[in-house]
Amino acid sequence: MKIFVFQKSEKPFFQQAAYFLGVNMLALALTWTISVYLAKTLFPAIGFRNGADGIAHLIGISAPIMTSYFGHKYLTFK
């Protein structure tokens, strides 16, 4: 899929794999942190309880879209 999305990379496969894993682990940490913070801290503090977990998860999984794109574009497949 990288051929269709990104330019051809000169990096060795294992270096690309390491960067790929690193970018995805950062995205996982970002998703988890935002989701848990919203669901357990911010939403209850403002009185939002009905559907808070689902909304927090939606926001959490949406947050790393751009960071993952640019991380893969400029680190993994550069």
Protein backbone atom coordinates (compact mmCIF):
# COMPACT_ATOMS: atom_id res chain seq x y z
CA MET A 1 0.00 0.00 0.00
CA LYS A 2 2.90 2.37 0.59
CA ILE A 3 3.55 2.47 -3.17
CA PHE A 4 0.10 3.94 -3.79
CA VAL A 5 0.21 6.46 -0.95
CA PHE A 6 3.81 7.53 -0.50
CA GLN A 7 6.82 8.03 -2.71
CA LYS A 8 9.37 5.25 -3.10
CA SER A 9 11.58 4.97 -0.05
CA GLU A 10 15.33 4.40 -0.04
CA LYS A 11 15.36 3.14 3.55
CA PRO A 12 15.97 -0.54 4.26
CA PHE A 13 12.89 -2.62 5.04
CA PHE A 14 13.79 -3.21 8.70
CA GLN A 15 14.33 0.49 9.33
CA GLN A 16 10.93 1.22 7.76
CA ALA A 17 9.38 -1.50 9.93
CA ALA A 18 10.91 0.02 13.07
CA TYR A 19 9.62 3.50 12.21
CA PHE A 20 6.24 2.04 11.29
CA LEU A 21 6.00 0.36 14.68
CA GLY A 22 7.14 3.52 16.46
CA VAL A 23 4.62 5.76 14.71
CA ASN A 24 1.81 3.30 15.43
CA MET A 25 2.81 2.97 19.10
CA LEU A 26 2.72 6.77 19.39
CA ALA A 27 -0.75 6.77 17.82
CA LEU A 28 -1.88 4.07 20.27
CA ALA A 29 -0.59 6.07 23.24
CA LEU A 30 -2.27 9.23 21.95
CA THR A 31 -5.58 7.42 21.40
CA TRP A 32 -5.53 5.81 24.83
CA THR A 33 -4.51 8.99 26.65
CA ILE A 34 -7.17 11.18 25.02
CA SER A 35 -9.93 8.58 25.36
CA VAL A 36 -9.27 7.88 29.04
CA TYR A 37 -8.81 11.56 29.93
CA LEU A 38 -12.07 12.56 28.28
CA ALA A 39 -14.11 9.63 29.64
CA LYS A 40 -12.77 9.64 33.20
CA THR A 41 -11.85 13.27 33.87
CA LEU A 42 -13.17 15.94 31.54
CA PHE A 43 -16.63 14.65 30.66
CA PRO A 44 -17.62 13.81 34.26
CA ALA A 45 -16.30 17.21 35.40
CA ILE A 46 -18.65 19.00 33.01
CA GLY A 47 -21.56 16.69 33.81
CA PHE A 48 -21.56 14.77 30.53
CA ARG A 49 -22.26 11.13 31.38
CA ASN A 50 -24.75 9.74 28.87
CA GLY A 51 -22.65 8.20 26.06
CA ALA A 52 -19.42 9.72 27.35
CA ASP A 53 -17.36 6.55 26.81
CA GLY A 54 -18.39 6.23 23.16
CA ILE A 55 -17.82 9.90 22.37
CA ALA A 56 -14.47 9.84 24.18
CA HIS A 57 -13.41 6.80 22.18
CA LEU A 58 -14.51 8.39 18.90
CA ILE A 59 -12.48 11.51 19.64
CA GLY A 60 -9.55 9.40 20.82
CA ILE A 61 -9.35 7.31 17.65
CA SER A 62 -9.75 10.41 15.48
CA ALA A 63 -6.94 12.32 17.17
CA PRO A 64 -3.90 10.55 15.67
CA ILE A 65 -5.08 10.63 12.05
CA MET A 66 -2.85 13.51 11.01
CA THR A 67 0.06 12.61 13.29
CA SER A 68 0.10 9.09 11.84
CA TYR A 69 -0.10 10.34 8.28
CA PHE A 70 2.79 12.77 8.65
CA GLY A 71 4.78 10.34 10.82
CA HIS A 72 4.61 7.69 8.12
CA LYS A 73 5.15 10.18 5.30
CA TYR A 74 8.24 11.84 6.78
CA LEU A 75 9.72 9.07 8.95
CA THR A 76 8.63 5.62 7.83
CA PHE A 77 8.50 5.97 4.07
CA LYS A 78 10.67 9.06 3.44
